Amino acid sequence: MDVHDAIMSRRSVRRFLPAPVPMESLRRIIEGAGMAPSGHNIQPWKLYVVGGATKAAITGDILDAIANGDPKDYVPEYPYYPTKWFEPYQARRRETGFGLYAKLGIARDDMAARQAQMSRNFEFFDAPVGMFVGFHRDLATGTYMDVGMFIENLLIGARGEGLHTCGQAAFTWYHSIVRRHLGMPDEELLACGVAVGFEDTAAPENEFRVDKLPIDDFTTFMDLD
């Protein structure tokens, strides 16, 4: 796939087919991700790729924690979202959430259905492959940028293989469960999960499209005549 086409067609897919992901595709995706730039070439990322029994065990334990655990025991390792939303970001956030729920026929006040949809994250939206990205927690803020570029390479590389993905910060709330199954050491911070697979094109949630800003809304060109 042309690189620009891969970028333009990348989006968060929230229901996948059970079709297996070829190992050769996974290896190409990961090889490409590892070419991401990083400050002083420190290459800080760590990647865990799971399927089968390991993936199912992570899903089962997180869903059990949601149903039976104390929410105070499960907090994210870092603040992905602001503690106080403000415009224009609040409006964009609401538009995305309300648009997705509308496609699924979930009313805004149906908290049970909204929670059930949120829990679908922990089933990897039925994707056959899950990835977890981590890095050493003693590294600095710039590492988040390095790891972000690594993750983007994963997502674009997957499109190049005809696959789709969904980045999942939701897993960071349950990092203690994830790290137990992965053998992830305490010094590693869990950045996110990623679901990988073939899109279920019949799923209504996959019909949802978010609006992206025109480039002139976020770009300033200077002295380029």
C-alpha atoms as a PDB file:
ATOM      1  CA  MET A   1       0.000   0.000   0.000  1.00  0.00           C
ATOM      2  CA  ASP A   2       1.195   3.525  -0.764  1.00  0.00           C
ATOM      3  CA  VAL A   3       2.418   5.203   2.434  1.00  0.00           C
ATOM      4  CA  HIS A   4       0.013   8.138   2.100  1.00  0.00           C
ATOM      5  CA  ASP A   5      -2.889   5.756   1.491  1.00  0.00           C
ATOM      6  CA  ALA A   6      -1.928   3.816   4.620  1.00  0.00           C
ATOM      7  CA  ILE A   7      -1.855   7.001   6.681  1.00  0.00           C
ATOM      8  CA  MET A   8      -5.149   8.289   5.298  1.00  0.00           C
ATOM      9  CA  SER A   9      -6.950   4.973   5.814  1.00  0.00           C
ATOM     10  CA  ARG A  10      -5.691   4.359   9.351  1.00  0.00           C
ATOM     11  CA  ARG A  11      -8.423   4.602  11.977  1.00  0.00           C
ATOM     12  CA  SER A  12      -9.528   2.972  15.195  1.00  0.00           C
ATOM     13  CA  VAL A  13     -11.448  -0.226  14.423  1.00  0.00           C
ATOM     14  CA  ARG A  14     -13.648  -1.533  17.217  1.00  0.00           C
ATOM     15  CA  ARG A  15     -14.675  -4.944  15.959  1.00  0.00           C
ATOM     16  CA  PHE A  16     -12.397  -7.442  14.266  1.00  0.00           C
ATOM     17  CA  LEU A  17     -12.796 -10.746  12.476  1.00  0.00           C
ATOM     18  CA  PRO A  18     -11.371 -13.920  14.059  1.00  0.00           C
ATOM     19  CA  ALA A  19      -9.150 -14.519  11.012  1.00  0.00           C
ATOM     20  CA  PRO A  20      -5.549 -15.084  12.139  1.00  0.00           C
ATOM     21  CA  VAL A  21      -2.853 -12.510  11.478  1.00  0.00           C
ATOM     22  CA  PRO A  22       0.051 -14.044   9.533  1.00  0.00           C
ATOM     23  CA  MET A  23       3.278 -14.170  11.522  1.00  0.00           C
ATOM     24  CA  GLU A  24       5.244 -12.815   8.572  1.00  0.00           C
ATOM     25  CA  SER A  25       2.988  -9.750   8.565  1.00  0.00           C
ATOM     26  CA  LEU A  26       3.502  -9.247  12.287  1.00  0.00           C
ATOM     27  CA  ARG A  27       7.261  -9.449  11.905  1.00  0.00           C
ATOM     28  CA  ARG A  28       7.265  -6.895   9.076  1.00  0.00           C
ATOM     29  CA  ILE A  29       5.072  -4.543  11.114  1.00  0.00           C
ATOM     30  CA  ILE A  30       7.352  -4.798  14.130  1.00  0.00           C
ATOM     31  CA  GLU A  31      10.512  -4.459  12.049  1.00  0.00           C
ATOM     32  CA  GLY A  32       9.140  -1.241  10.552  1.00  0.00           C
ATOM     33  CA  ALA A  33       8.080   0.065  13.959  1.00  0.00           C
ATOM     34  CA  GLY A  34      11.609  -0.448  15.220  1.00  0.00           C
ATOM     35  CA  MET A  35      12.858   2.011  12.590  1.00  0.00           C
ATOM     36  CA  ALA A  36      11.119   4.869  14.438  1.00  0.00           C
ATOM     37  CA  PRO A  37      13.394   7.767  15.402  1.00  0.00           C
ATOM     38  CA  SER A  38      14.388   8.330  19.015  1.00  0.00           C
ATOM     39  CA  GLY A  39      16.597  10.860  20.780  1.00  0.00           C
ATOM     40  CA  HIS A  40      20.219   9.713  20.641  1.00  0.00           C
ATOM     41  CA  ASN A  41      18.876   6.456  19.151  1.00  0.00           C
ATOM     42  CA  ILE A  42      18.056   5.103  22.611  1.00  0.00           C
ATOM     43  CA  GLN A  43      15.197   3.000  21.154  1.00  0.00           C
ATOM     44  CA  PRO A  44      13.336   2.918  24.480  1.00  0.00           C
ATOM     45  CA  TRP A  45      10.340   0.814  23.454  1.00  0.00           C
ATOM     46  CA  LYS A  46       9.477  -2.657  24.661  1.00  0.00           C
ATOM     47  CA  LEU A  47       6.829  -4.666  22.841  1.00  0.00           C
ATOM     48  CA  TYR A  48       4.788  -7.666  23.971  1.00  0.00           C
ATOM     49  CA  VAL A  49       2.632  -9.468  21.399  1.00  0.00           C
ATOM     50  CA  VAL A  50      -0.034 -11.855  22.654  1.00  0.00           C
ATOM     51  CA  GLY A  51      -2.685 -14.171  21.319  1.00  0.00           C
ATOM     52  CA  GLY A  52      -4.498 -17.326  22.325  1.00  0.00           C
ATOM     53  CA  ALA A  53      -4.459 -18.331  25.986  1.00  0.00           C
ATOM     54  CA  THR A  54      -2.356 -15.400  27.169  1.00  0.00           C
ATOM     55  CA  LYS A  55      -4.652 -12.849  25.573  1.00  0.00           C
ATOM     56  CA  ALA A  56      -7.723 -14.641  26.904  1.00  0.00           C
ATOM     57  CA  ALA A  57      -6.282 -14.727  30.428  1.00  0.00           C
ATOM     58  CA  ILE A  58      -5.607 -10.983  30.394  1.00  0.00           C
ATOM     59  CA  THR A  59      -9.153 -10.351  29.183  1.00  0.00           C
ATOM     60  CA  GLY A  60     -10.681 -12.618  31.805  1.00  0.00           C
ATOM     61  CA  ASP A  61      -8.775 -11.140  34.730  1.00  0.00           C
ATOM     62  CA  ILE A  62      -9.499  -7.528  33.748  1.00  0.00           C
ATOM     63  CA  LEU A  63     -13.213  -8.201  33.257  1.00  0.00           C
ATOM     64  CA  ASP A  64     -13.271  -9.925  36.645  1.00  0.00           C
ATOM     65  CA  ALA A  65     -11.582  -6.910  38.216  1.00  0.00           C
ATOM     66  CA  ILE A  66     -14.199  -4.615  36.673  1.00  0.00           C
ATOM     67  CA  ALA A  67     -17.045  -6.784  37.954  1.00  0.00           C
ATOM     68  CA  ASN A  68     -15.709  -7.666  41.387  1.00  0.00           C
ATOM     69  CA  GLY A  69     -12.716  -5.500  42.230  1.00  0.00           C
ATOM     70  CA  ASP A  70     -12.345  -2.157  43.968  1.00  0.00           C
ATOM     71  CA  PRO A  71     -11.977   0.630  41.372  1.00  0.00           C
ATOM     72  CA  LYS A  72      -9.560   2.439  43.695  1.00  0.00           C
ATOM     73  CA  ASP A  73      -7.100  -0.405  43.111  1.00  0.00           C
ATOM     74  CA  TYR A  74      -6.949   0.281  39.380  1.00  0.00           C
ATOM     75  CA  VAL A  75      -5.589   3.637  38.299  1.00  0.00           C
ATOM     76  CA  PRO A  76      -3.562   4.511  35.197  1.00  0.00           C
ATOM     77  CA  GLU A  77       0.203   4.758  35.417  1.00  0.00           C
ATOM     78  CA  TYR A  78       0.235   8.233  33.888  1.00  0.00           C
ATOM     79  CA  PRO A  79      -2.325  10.969  33.056  1.00  0.00           C
ATOM     80  CA  TYR A  80      -3.259  10.324  29.445  1.00  0.00           C
ATOM     81  CA  TYR A  81      -6.169  12.770  29.597  1.00  0.00           C
ATOM     82  CA  PRO A  82      -6.401  16.205  31.272  1.00  0.00           C
ATOM     83  CA  THR A  83      -7.995  16.350  34.699  1.00  0.00           C
ATOM     84  CA  LYS A  84     -10.069  19.326  33.498  1.00  0.00           C
ATOM     85  CA  TRP A  85     -11.311  19.414  29.910  1.00  0.00           C
ATOM     86  CA  PHE A  86     -11.611  22.693  28.009  1.00  0.00           C
ATOM     87  CA  GLU A  87     -12.438  23.857  24.510  1.00  0.00           C
ATOM     88  CA  PRO A  88     -11.952  23.018  21.716  1.00  0.00           C
ATOM     89  CA  TYR A  89     -10.845  19.626  23.051  1.00  0.00           C
ATOM     90  CA  GLN A  90     -13.946  18.942  25.104  1.00  0.00           C
ATOM     91  CA  ALA A  91     -16.209  19.365  22.069  1.00  0.00           C
ATOM     92  CA  ARG A  92     -14.067  17.055  19.938  1.00  0.00           C
ATOM     93  CA  ARG A  93     -14.057  14.441  22.682  1.00  0.00           C
ATOM     94  CA  ARG A  94     -17.842  14.564  23.042  1.00  0.00           C
ATOM     95  CA  GLU A  95     -18.395  14.453  19.297  1.00  0.00           C
ATOM     96  CA  THR A  96     -16.316  11.292  19.061  1.00  0.00           C
ATOM     97  CA  GLY A  97     -17.981   9.543  21.983  1.00  0.00           C
ATOM     98  CA  PHE A  98     -21.533  10.504  21.068  1.00  0.00           C
ATOM     99  CA  GLY A  99     -20.950   9.604  17.419  1.00  0.00           C
ATOM    100  CA  LEU A 100     -19.711   6.123  18.287  1.00  0.00           C
ATOM    101  CA  TYR A 101     -22.568   5.461  20.711  1.00  0.00           C
ATOM    102  CA  ALA A 102     -25.082   6.648  18.134  1.00  0.00           C
ATOM    103  CA  LYS A 103     -23.783   4.101  15.623  1.00  0.00           C
ATOM    104  CA  LEU A 104     -24.209   1.418  18.273  1.00  0.00           C
ATOM    105  CA  GLY A 105     -27.677   2.604  19.250  1.00  0.00           C
ATOM    106  CA  ILE A 106     -26.558   3.424  22.808  1.00  0.00           C
ATOM    107  CA  ALA A 107     -28.440   6.291  24.448  1.00  0.00           C
ATOM    108  CA  ARG A 108     -26.398   8.975  26.193  1.00  0.00           C
ATOM    109  CA  ASP A 109     -27.948   8.131  29.564  1.00  0.00           C
ATOM    110  CA  ASP A 110     -27.576   4.348  29.196  1.00  0.00           C
ATOM    111  CA  MET A 111     -24.605   3.996  31.498  1.00  0.00           C
ATOM    112  CA  ALA A 112     -24.745   0.201  31.589  1.00  0.00           C
ATOM    113  CA  ALA A 113     -24.481  -0.053  27.808  1.00  0.00           C
ATOM    114  CA  ARG A 114     -21.720   2.528  27.738  1.00  0.00           C
ATOM    115  CA  GLN A 115     -19.753   0.583  30.342  1.00  0.00           C
ATOM    116  CA  ALA A 116     -20.280  -2.641  28.387  1.00  0.00           C
ATOM    117  CA  GLN A 117     -18.895  -0.985  25.259  1.00  0.00           C
ATOM    118  CA  MET A 118     -15.948   0.356  27.245  1.00  0.00           C
ATOM    119  CA  SER A 119     -15.232  -3.161  28.493  1.00  0.00           C
ATOM    120  CA  ARG A 120     -14.971  -4.328  24.889  1.00  0.00           C
ATOM    121  CA  ASN A 121     -11.530  -2.720  24.950  1.00  0.00           C
ATOM    122  CA  PHE A 122     -10.361  -5.501  27.217  1.00  0.00           C
ATOM    123  CA  GLU A 123     -11.573  -8.121  24.754  1.00  0.00           C
ATOM    124  CA  PHE A 124      -9.356  -6.394  22.164  1.00  0.00           C
ATOM    125  CA  PHE A 125     -12.592  -5.861  20.224  1.00  0.00           C
ATOM    126  CA  ASP A 126     -12.284  -9.549  19.209  1.00  0.00           C
ATOM    127  CA  ALA A 127      -8.944  -9.005  17.468  1.00  0.00           C
ATOM    128  CA  PRO A 128      -6.811 -12.171  17.390  1.00  0.00           C
ATOM    129  CA  VAL A 129      -3.636 -10.277  18.320  1.00  0.00           C
ATOM    130  CA  GLY A 130      -2.958  -7.856  21.133  1.00  0.00           C
ATOM    131  CA  MET A 131       0.150  -5.754  21.608  1.00  0.00           C
ATOM    132  CA  PHE A 132       1.420  -3.941  24.681  1.00  0.00           C
ATOM    133  CA  VAL A 133       3.976  -1.147  24.485  1.00  0.00           C
ATOM    134  CA  GLY A 134       6.135  -0.187  27.436  1.00  0.00           C
ATOM    135  CA  PHE A 135       9.286   1.707  28.318  1.00  0.00           C
ATOM    136  CA  HIS A 136      11.506   2.289  31.340  1.00  0.00           C
ATOM    137  CA  ARG A 137       9.695   4.581  33.749  1.00  0.00           C
ATOM    138  CA  ASP A 138      12.877   6.462  34.729  1.00  0.00           C
ATOM    139  CA  LEU A 139      13.265   7.916  31.231  1.00  0.00           C
ATOM    140  CA  ALA A 140      12.194  11.504  30.555  1.00  0.00           C
ATOM    141  CA  THR A 141       9.283  13.249  28.840  1.00  0.00           C
ATOM    142  CA  GLY A 142      10.910  13.048  25.419  1.00  0.00           C
ATOM    143  CA  THR A 143      10.577   9.274  25.592  1.00  0.00           C
ATOM    144  CA  TYR A 144       6.801   9.637  25.259  1.00  0.00           C
ATOM    145  CA  MET A 145       7.405  11.242  21.858  1.00  0.00           C
ATOM    146  CA  ASP A 146       9.817   8.473  20.851  1.00  0.00           C
ATOM    147  CA  VAL A 147       7.357   5.776  21.902  1.00  0.00           C
ATOM    148  CA  GLY A 148       4.512   7.613  20.182  1.00  0.00           C
ATOM    149  CA  MET A 149       6.397   7.456  16.889  1.00  0.00           C
ATOM    150  CA  PHE A 150       7.040   3.753  17.455  1.00  0.00           C
ATOM    151  CA  ILE A 151       3.315   3.183  18.032  1.00  0.00           C
ATOM    152  CA  GLU A 152       2.386   5.173  14.935  1.00  0.00           C
ATOM    153  CA  ASN A 153       4.750   2.999  12.907  1.00  0.00           C
ATOM    154  CA  LEU A 154       2.928  -0.066  14.245  1.00  0.00           C
ATOM    155  CA  LEU A 155      -0.424   1.359  13.165  1.00  0.00           C
ATOM    156  CA  ILE A 156       0.694   2.449   9.709  1.00  0.00           C
ATOM    157  CA  GLY A 157       2.677  -0.752   9.183  1.00  0.00           C
ATOM    158  CA  ALA A 158      -0.445  -2.758   9.958  1.00  0.00           C
ATOM    159  CA  ARG A 159      -2.365  -0.870   7.262  1.00  0.00           C
ATOM    160  CA  GLY A 160       0.414  -1.738   4.831  1.00  0.00           C
ATOM    161  CA  GLU A 161      -0.340  -5.387   5.539  1.00  0.00           C
ATOM    162  CA  GLY A 162      -4.072  -4.913   4.955  1.00  0.00           C
ATOM    163  CA  LEU A 163      -4.797  -4.965   8.687  1.00  0.00           C
ATOM    164  CA  HIS A 164      -6.444  -2.525  11.050  1.00  0.00           C
ATOM    165  CA  THR A 165      -5.711  -1.546  14.628  1.00  0.00           C
ATOM    166  CA  CYS A 166      -7.054   0.202  17.692  1.00  0.00           C
ATOM    167  CA  GLY A 167      -4.753   1.944  20.131  1.00  0.00           C
ATOM    168  CA  GLN A 168      -5.975   1.322  23.684  1.00  0.00           C
ATOM    169  CA  ALA A 169      -4.858   3.526  26.544  1.00  0.00           C
ATOM    170  CA  ALA A 170      -7.659   1.883  28.572  1.00  0.00           C
ATOM    171  CA  PHE A 171      -5.310  -0.967  29.443  1.00  0.00           C
ATOM    172  CA  THR A 172      -3.144   1.379  31.517  1.00  0.00           C
ATOM    173  CA  TRP A 173      -5.825   1.369  34.238  1.00  0.00           C
ATOM    174  CA  TYR A 174      -5.155  -2.359  34.651  1.00  0.00           C
ATOM    175  CA  HIS A 175      -1.383  -2.340  34.242  1.00  0.00           C
ATOM    176  CA  SER A 176      -0.912  -4.497  37.346  1.00  0.00           C
ATOM    177  CA  ILE A 177      -2.916  -7.307  35.730  1.00  0.00           C
ATOM    178  CA  VAL A 178      -1.253  -6.905  32.342  1.00  0.00           C
ATOM    179  CA  ARG A 179       2.281  -6.902  33.754  1.00  0.00           C
ATOM    180  CA  ARG A 180       1.576 -10.046  35.787  1.00  0.00           C
ATOM    181  CA  HIS A 181       0.653 -11.976  32.645  1.00  0.00           C
ATOM    182  CA  LEU A 182       3.466 -10.554  30.548  1.00  0.00           C
ATOM    183  CA  GLY A 183       6.221 -10.806  33.114  1.00  0.00           C
ATOM    184  CA  MET A 184       6.734  -7.069  32.613  1.00  0.00           C
ATOM    185  CA  PRO A 185       9.184  -5.763  35.228  1.00  0.00           C
ATOM    186  CA  ASP A 186       8.119  -3.037  37.641  1.00  0.00           C
ATOM    187  CA  GLU A 187      10.540  -0.536  36.128  1.00  0.00           C
ATOM    188  CA  GLU A 188       8.621  -0.648  32.836  1.00  0.00           C
ATOM    189  CA  LEU A 189       5.670   1.686  32.372  1.00  0.00           C
ATOM    190  CA  LEU A 190       2.761   0.398  30.281  1.00  0.00           C
ATOM    191  CA  ALA A 191       2.098   2.995  27.571  1.00  0.00           C
ATOM    192  CA  CYS A 192      -0.892   1.356  25.865  1.00  0.00           C
ATOM    193  CA  GLY A 193      -2.347  -1.722  24.265  1.00  0.00           C
ATOM    194  CA  VAL A 194      -2.994  -2.181  20.554  1.00  0.00           C
ATOM    195  CA  ALA A 195      -5.561  -4.511  18.986  1.00  0.00           C
ATOM    196  CA  VAL A 196      -4.491  -5.899  15.594  1.00  0.00           C
ATOM    197  CA  GLY A 197      -6.519  -7.836  13.050  1.00  0.00           C
ATOM    198  CA  PHE A 198      -8.791  -7.747  10.035  1.00  0.00           C
ATOM    199  CA  GLU A 199     -11.727  -5.354  10.208  1.00  0.00           C
ATOM    200  CA  ASP A 200     -15.266  -6.674  10.523  1.00  0.00           C
ATOM    201  CA  THR A 201     -16.775  -4.488   7.814  1.00  0.00           C
ATOM    202  CA  ALA A 202     -20.324  -5.525   8.775  1.00  0.00           C
ATOM    203  CA  ALA A 203     -20.028  -4.049  12.291  1.00  0.00           C
ATOM    204  CA  PRO A 204     -21.950  -0.777  12.755  1.00  0.00           C
ATOM    205  CA  GLU A 205     -19.271   0.673  15.031  1.00  0.00           C
ATOM    206  CA  ASN A 206     -16.798   0.403  12.167  1.00  0.00           C
ATOM    207  CA  GLU A 207     -18.973   2.665  10.031  1.00  0.00           C
ATOM    208  CA  PHE A 208     -18.191   5.544  12.373  1.00  0.00           C
ATOM    209  CA  ARG A 209     -15.745   8.151  11.086  1.00  0.00           C
ATOM    210  CA  VAL A 210     -14.239  11.007  13.025  1.00  0.00           C
ATOM    211  CA  ASP A 211     -13.685  14.430  11.494  1.00  0.00           C
ATOM    212  CA  LYS A 212     -10.100  15.567  11.029  1.00  0.00           C
ATOM    213  CA  LEU A 213      -9.090  19.203  10.897  1.00  0.00           C
ATOM    214  CA  PRO A 214      -8.143  20.808   7.580  1.00  0.00           C
ATOM    215  CA  ILE A 215      -4.401  21.418   7.537  1.00  0.00           C
ATOM    216  CA  ASP A 216      -4.850  25.195   7.514  1.00  0.00           C
ATOM    217  CA  ASP A 217      -6.524  24.954  10.923  1.00  0.00           C
ATOM    218  CA  PHE A 218      -3.328  23.748  12.582  1.00  0.00           C
ATOM    219  CA  THR A 219      -0.496  24.816  10.271  1.00  0.00           C
ATOM    220  CA  THR A 220       1.318  28.105   9.851  1.00  0.00           C
ATOM    221  CA  PHE A 221       3.352  28.472   6.640  1.00  0.00           C
ATOM    222  CA  MET A 222       6.100  31.110   6.629  1.00  0.00           C
ATOM    223  CA  ASP A 223       8.330  32.350   3.807  1.00  0.00           C
ATOM    224  CA  LEU A 224       7.609  29.412   1.517  1.00  0.00           C
ATOM    225  CA  ASP A 225       6.691  31.359  -1.628  1.00  0.00           C
END
